[in-house]
């Protein structure tokens, strides 16, 4: 019985750690509460806690019940690459860096988010340095750090 309890506690700890590190969260909400389905309409719109879903132990907010239902039907389709961390930082340095959820790129059906603060917009760097090479590096780095 003691072994089963220890195993259960360990699994809960691993699951919690995975979700907290896997997605960029602020105050317990993924992507600072922005509606991940709206990126596919080329918009950055803050969601509402009225329309929320938990996926992989992370809470996502949506702007409407319709968007919530879209997400529930196929969550993986709407998730930003690299857990919503800065795509440029993942590719360039292999580091998880926070983002400005309003600074994003929609490329080939995938959403990439970027840091944009203090005069440093990494979306510009992403585009200047070549997205193809940075994506290849980011994909390799993400496998190591996710």
Protein backbone atom coordinates (compact mmCIF):
# COMPACT_ATOMS: atom_id res chain seq x y z
CA UNK A 1 0.00 0.00 0.00
CA UNK A 2 2.83 2.37 0.90
CA UNK A 3 4.55 1.72 -2.46
CA UNK A 4 1.32 2.42 -4.36
CA UNK A 5 0.83 5.68 -2.47
CA UNK A 6 4.45 6.75 -3.14
CA UNK A 7 4.03 5.92 -6.84
CA UNK A 8 0.81 7.95 -7.02
CA UNK A 9 2.42 10.97 -5.36
CA UNK A 10 5.42 10.69 -7.71
CA UNK A 11 3.18 10.56 -10.78
CA UNK A 12 1.20 13.59 -9.63
CA UNK A 13 4.43 15.50 -9.02
CA UNK A 14 5.83 14.59 -12.46
CA UNK A 15 2.55 15.50 -14.19
CA UNK A 16 2.36 18.84 -12.41
CA UNK A 17 5.98 19.69 -13.17
CA UNK A 18 5.58 18.70 -16.80
CA UNK A 19 2.57 20.93 -17.39
CA UNK A 20 4.05 23.90 -15.57
CA UNK A 21 7.22 23.73 -17.63
CA UNK A 22 5.70 22.56 -20.89
CA UNK A 23 3.49 25.61 -21.48
CA UNK A 24 4.28 29.25 -20.97
CA UNK A 25 1.99 30.19 -18.10
CA UNK A 26 1.50 33.34 -16.12
CA UNK A 27 -0.60 33.26 -12.96
CA UNK A 28 -1.61 29.68 -13.76
CA UNK A 29 -3.05 30.41 -17.21
CA UNK A 30 -1.41 29.34 -20.46
CA UNK A 31 -0.26 32.09 -22.86
CA UNK A 32 -1.31 34.79 -20.38
CA UNK A 33 -4.95 33.93 -21.07
CA UNK A 34 -4.88 34.69 -24.79
CA UNK A 35 -7.24 32.67 -26.97
CA UNK A 36 -5.01 30.28 -28.94
CA UNK A 37 -7.72 29.66 -31.56
CA UNK A 38 -7.78 33.34 -32.54
CA UNK A 39 -4.18 33.23 -33.75
CA UNK A 40 -5.54 31.26 -36.70
CA UNK A 41 -7.71 34.28 -37.54
CA UNK A 42 -4.47 36.32 -37.41
CA UNK A 43 -5.62 38.00 -34.19
CA UNK A 44 -4.29 38.16 -30.65
CA UNK A 45 -7.35 38.31 -28.41
CA UNK A 46 -7.48 37.87 -24.66
CA UNK A 47 -9.78 35.06 -23.57
CA UNK A 48 -12.12 34.96 -20.60
CA UNK A 49 -12.12 32.67 -17.59
CA UNK A 50 -15.84 32.09 -18.41
CA UNK A 51 -14.68 30.00 -21.36
CA UNK A 52 -11.81 27.87 -20.17
CA UNK A 53 -10.47 24.37 -20.64
CA UNK A 54 -7.74 22.38 -18.98
CA UNK A 55 -5.41 20.53 -21.30
CA UNK A 56 -2.28 18.71 -20.12
CA UNK A 57 -2.84 20.29 -16.69
CA UNK A 58 -2.70 23.83 -18.12
CA UNK A 59 -5.69 26.17 -18.19
CA UNK A 60 -6.51 27.90 -21.47
CA UNK A 61 -8.95 30.80 -21.86
CA UNK A 62 -11.10 31.57 -24.90
CA UNK A 63 -12.97 34.59 -26.21
CA UNK A 64 -16.17 32.65 -26.95
CA UNK A 65 -17.90 29.34 -26.37
CA UNK A 66 -17.41 28.61 -30.08
CA UNK A 67 -13.63 28.95 -29.73
CA UNK A 68 -13.69 26.80 -26.60
CA UNK A 69 -15.54 24.06 -28.51
CA UNK A 70 -13.06 24.28 -31.43
CA UNK A 71 -10.20 23.80 -29.00
CA UNK A 72 -11.88 20.91 -27.19
CA UNK A 73 -12.45 19.13 -30.51
CA UNK A 74 -8.74 19.20 -31.43
CA UNK A 75 -6.50 20.92 -28.86
CA UNK A 76 -3.19 19.96 -30.47
CA UNK A 77 -4.16 21.83 -33.64
CA UNK A 78 -4.22 25.15 -31.77
CA UNK A 79 -1.24 24.89 -29.45
CA UNK A 80 1.58 27.32 -30.18
CA UNK A 81 4.91 25.75 -31.02
CA UNK A 82 7.39 25.22 -28.18
CA UNK A 83 4.70 25.43 -25.52
CA UNK A 84 4.17 29.11 -26.27
CA UNK A 85 7.68 30.11 -25.23
CA UNK A 86 9.64 32.47 -27.46
CA UNK A 87 10.40 30.63 -30.70
CA UNK A 88 13.48 32.74 -31.36
CA UNK A 89 15.01 32.03 -27.93
CA UNK A 90 14.30 28.31 -28.26
CA UNK A 91 15.99 28.27 -31.67
CA UNK A 92 18.88 30.60 -30.96
CA UNK A 93 19.82 29.65 -27.40
CA UNK A 94 17.73 26.65 -26.37
CA UNK A 95 16.19 28.70 -23.55
CA UNK A 96 12.59 29.09 -22.39
CA UNK A 97 11.83 32.81 -22.53
CA UNK A 98 8.53 34.55 -21.81
CA UNK A 99 6.59 36.14 -24.65
CA UNK A 100 4.34 39.01 -25.55
CA UNK A 101 1.24 37.06 -26.65
CA UNK A 102 0.43 39.83 -29.12
CA UNK A 103 3.69 39.26 -31.00
CA UNK A 104 3.20 36.15 -33.10
CA UNK A 105 3.65 34.61 -36.49
CA UNK A 106 1.35 32.15 -38.24
CA UNK A 107 3.39 30.01 -40.60
CA UNK A 108 2.22 26.88 -42.41
CA UNK A 109 -0.61 26.31 -39.95
CA UNK A 110 1.56 26.74 -36.86
CA UNK A 111 1.70 29.58 -34.34
CA UNK A 112 5.01 30.96 -33.10
CA UNK A 113 5.14 33.44 -30.21
CA UNK A 114 7.92 35.94 -29.46
CA UNK A 115 9.43 38.11 -26.77
CA UNK A 116 8.80 41.80 -27.41
CA UNK A 117 9.89 44.21 -24.72
CA UNK A 118 12.46 46.91 -23.97
CA UNK A 119 12.97 47.54 -27.69
CA UNK A 120 13.75 43.90 -28.43
CA UNK A 121 11.20 42.33 -30.76
CA UNK A 122 12.49 38.83 -31.43
CA UNK A 123 9.95 38.34 -34.24
CA UNK A 124 12.07 40.78 -36.25
CA UNK A 125 15.20 38.77 -35.44
CA UNK A 126 13.37 35.54 -36.34
CA UNK A 127 12.50 36.94 -39.77
CA UNK A 128 15.92 38.54 -40.38
CA UNK A 129 17.95 35.46 -39.49
CA UNK A 130 15.85 33.03 -41.50
CA UNK A 131 12.94 31.09 -40.11
CA UNK A 132 13.84 27.78 -41.77
CA UNK A 133 17.18 27.43 -40.01
CA UNK A 134 15.87 28.73 -36.69
CA UNK A 135 12.91 26.32 -36.81
CA UNK A 136 15.25 23.38 -37.36
CA UNK A 137 17.37 24.44 -34.37
CA UNK A 138 14.29 25.18 -32.27
CA UNK A 139 12.78 21.77 -33.02
CA UNK A 140 16.00 20.04 -31.88
CA UNK A 141 16.39 22.26 -28.82
CA UNK A 142 12.75 21.82 -27.78
CA UNK A 143 13.14 18.03 -27.70
CA UNK A 144 16.00 18.49 -25.24
CA UNK A 145 14.36 21.01 -22.92
CA UNK A 146 10.63 20.31 -23.04
